[in-house]
N, C-alpha and C. Protein backbone atom coordinates (compact mmCIF):
# COMPACT_ATOMS: atom_id res chain seq x y z
N MET A 1 17.76 -12.82 0.48
CA MET A 1 17.21 -12.46 -0.80
C MET A 1 16.26 -11.27 -0.65
N LEU A 2 15.40 -11.30 0.37
CA LEU A 2 14.43 -10.22 0.52
C LEU A 2 15.12 -8.91 0.88
N GLU A 3 16.17 -8.98 1.70
CA GLU A 3 16.90 -7.76 2.06
C GLU A 3 17.54 -7.13 0.83
N ALA A 4 18.12 -7.96 -0.02
CA ALA A 4 18.74 -7.46 -1.25
C ALA A 4 17.68 -6.84 -2.17
N LEU A 5 16.51 -7.45 -2.22
CA LEU A 5 15.43 -6.94 -3.06
C LEU A 5 14.98 -5.56 -2.58
N VAL A 6 14.86 -5.39 -1.26
CA VAL A 6 14.45 -4.10 -0.70
C VAL A 6 15.53 -3.04 -0.94
N ARG A 7 16.81 -3.44 -0.83
CA ARG A 7 17.88 -2.47 -1.12
C ARG A 7 17.81 -2.00 -2.57
N ALA A 8 17.51 -2.91 -3.48
CA ALA A 8 17.44 -2.56 -4.90
C ALA A 8 16.15 -1.82 -5.25
N HIS A 9 15.07 -2.12 -4.52
CA HIS A 9 13.74 -1.54 -4.82
C HIS A 9 13.08 -1.12 -3.50
N PRO A 10 13.47 0.02 -2.92
CA PRO A 10 12.97 0.44 -1.62
C PRO A 10 11.45 0.54 -1.52
N GLY A 11 10.77 0.77 -2.62
CA GLY A 11 9.31 0.87 -2.60
C GLY A 11 8.62 -0.43 -2.23
N LEU A 12 9.32 -1.55 -2.31
CA LEU A 12 8.74 -2.84 -1.94
C LEU A 12 8.76 -3.10 -0.44
N LYS A 13 9.50 -2.29 0.31
CA LYS A 13 9.66 -2.55 1.74
C LYS A 13 8.33 -2.68 2.49
N PRO A 14 7.35 -1.76 2.31
CA PRO A 14 6.09 -1.91 3.05
C PRO A 14 5.34 -3.20 2.69
N VAL A 15 5.40 -3.60 1.45
CA VAL A 15 4.71 -4.83 1.03
C VAL A 15 5.36 -6.05 1.68
N ILE A 16 6.68 -6.08 1.66
CA ILE A 16 7.40 -7.22 2.24
C ILE A 16 7.22 -7.24 3.75
N GLU A 17 7.25 -6.07 4.39
CA GLU A 17 7.05 -6.01 5.84
C GLU A 17 5.65 -6.44 6.23
N ALA A 18 4.66 -6.21 5.36
CA ALA A 18 3.29 -6.63 5.65
C ALA A 18 3.14 -8.14 5.59
N GLY A 19 4.08 -8.79 4.91
CA GLY A 19 4.07 -10.25 4.86
C GLY A 19 3.94 -10.77 3.44
N VAL A 20 4.87 -11.61 3.07
CA VAL A 20 4.83 -12.26 1.77
C VAL A 20 5.12 -13.74 1.94
N SER A 21 4.62 -14.51 1.01
CA SER A 21 5.00 -15.91 0.90
C SER A 21 6.00 -16.00 -0.23
N VAL A 22 7.03 -16.82 -0.04
CA VAL A 22 8.07 -16.98 -1.05
C VAL A 22 7.92 -18.35 -1.68
N VAL A 23 7.89 -18.38 -3.01
CA VAL A 23 7.78 -19.63 -3.76
C VAL A 23 9.01 -19.73 -4.66
N ILE A 24 9.75 -20.84 -4.54
CA ILE A 24 10.92 -21.07 -5.38
C ILE A 24 10.70 -22.36 -6.14
N ASP A 25 10.69 -22.25 -7.46
CA ASP A 25 10.47 -23.40 -8.34
C ASP A 25 9.23 -24.19 -7.95
N GLY A 26 8.15 -23.47 -7.62
CA GLY A 26 6.88 -24.11 -7.32
C GLY A 26 6.74 -24.61 -5.89
N GLU A 27 7.75 -24.42 -5.05
CA GLU A 27 7.71 -24.88 -3.66
C GLU A 27 7.55 -23.68 -2.74
N VAL A 28 6.45 -23.65 -1.98
CA VAL A 28 6.23 -22.57 -1.02
C VAL A 28 7.14 -22.82 0.17
N LEU A 29 7.97 -21.84 0.49
CA LEU A 29 8.88 -22.00 1.61
C LEU A 29 8.12 -21.82 2.91
N SER A 30 8.41 -22.67 3.85
CA SER A 30 7.85 -22.52 5.19
C SER A 30 9.02 -22.50 6.16
N GLY A 31 8.82 -21.81 7.25
CA GLY A 31 9.92 -21.69 8.20
C GLY A 31 10.88 -20.60 7.76
N GLY A 32 12.16 -20.88 7.87
CA GLY A 32 13.18 -19.88 7.53
C GLY A 32 13.25 -19.58 6.05
N LEU A 33 13.66 -18.38 5.77
CA LEU A 33 13.78 -17.95 4.37
C LEU A 33 15.25 -17.92 3.95
N HIS A 34 16.06 -18.75 4.55
CA HIS A 34 17.49 -18.76 4.27
C HIS A 34 17.83 -19.90 3.33
N ARG A 35 17.33 -19.82 2.13
CA ARG A 35 17.61 -20.83 1.13
C ARG A 35 18.35 -20.17 -0.03
N PRO A 36 19.48 -20.74 -0.43
CA PRO A 36 20.20 -20.13 -1.55
C PRO A 36 19.38 -20.22 -2.84
N VAL A 37 19.50 -19.20 -3.67
CA VAL A 37 18.84 -19.20 -4.97
C VAL A 37 19.90 -18.99 -6.05
N SER A 38 19.62 -19.52 -7.21
CA SER A 38 20.53 -19.36 -8.34
C SER A 38 19.80 -18.64 -9.46
N PRO A 39 20.53 -18.15 -10.44
CA PRO A 39 19.88 -17.46 -11.57
C PRO A 39 18.88 -18.34 -12.31
N ASP A 40 19.00 -19.66 -12.19
CA ASP A 40 18.08 -20.57 -12.88
C ASP A 40 16.78 -20.79 -12.12
N ASN A 41 16.72 -20.39 -10.84
CA ASN A 41 15.51 -20.59 -10.05
C ASN A 41 14.42 -19.61 -10.47
N GLU A 42 13.17 -20.07 -10.37
CA GLU A 42 12.01 -19.23 -10.61
C GLU A 42 11.47 -18.83 -9.24
N VAL A 43 11.48 -17.54 -8.94
CA VAL A 43 11.10 -17.05 -7.62
C VAL A 43 9.88 -16.16 -7.74
N TYR A 44 8.87 -16.43 -6.90
CA TYR A 44 7.66 -15.61 -6.83
C TYR A 44 7.48 -15.13 -5.41
N LEU A 45 7.03 -13.89 -5.27
CA LEU A 45 6.62 -13.35 -3.99
C LEU A 45 5.13 -13.11 -4.07
N MET A 46 4.40 -13.64 -3.10
CA MET A 46 2.94 -13.48 -3.08
C MET A 46 2.56 -12.74 -1.81
N GLN A 47 1.85 -11.62 -1.97
CA GLN A 47 1.41 -10.87 -0.80
C GLN A 47 0.40 -11.71 -0.04
N ARG A 48 0.57 -11.76 1.27
CA ARG A 48 -0.37 -12.53 2.09
C ARG A 48 -1.72 -11.85 2.09
N ILE A 49 -2.75 -12.67 2.03
CA ILE A 49 -4.11 -12.16 2.00
C ILE A 49 -4.71 -12.31 3.39
N LYS A 50 -5.25 -11.22 3.89
CA LYS A 50 -5.87 -11.25 5.21
C LYS A 50 -7.38 -11.16 5.02
N GLY A 51 -8.07 -11.84 5.87
CA GLY A 51 -9.52 -11.79 5.77
C GLY A 51 -10.16 -12.48 6.96
N GLY A 52 -11.44 -12.48 6.96
CA GLY A 52 -12.11 -13.09 8.09
C GLY A 52 -13.31 -13.86 7.68
């Protein structure tokens, strides 16, 4: 999904490479990002926040 998003919107590549969390239908994915999505799914990308 993320590769297709970057192909469609190349300007997102630096943001995604910096790290994002993927949320599908309210569930934050952990581990692999190889989950099928359908047009009915609600998908959010959240930029990871770094701090100390």
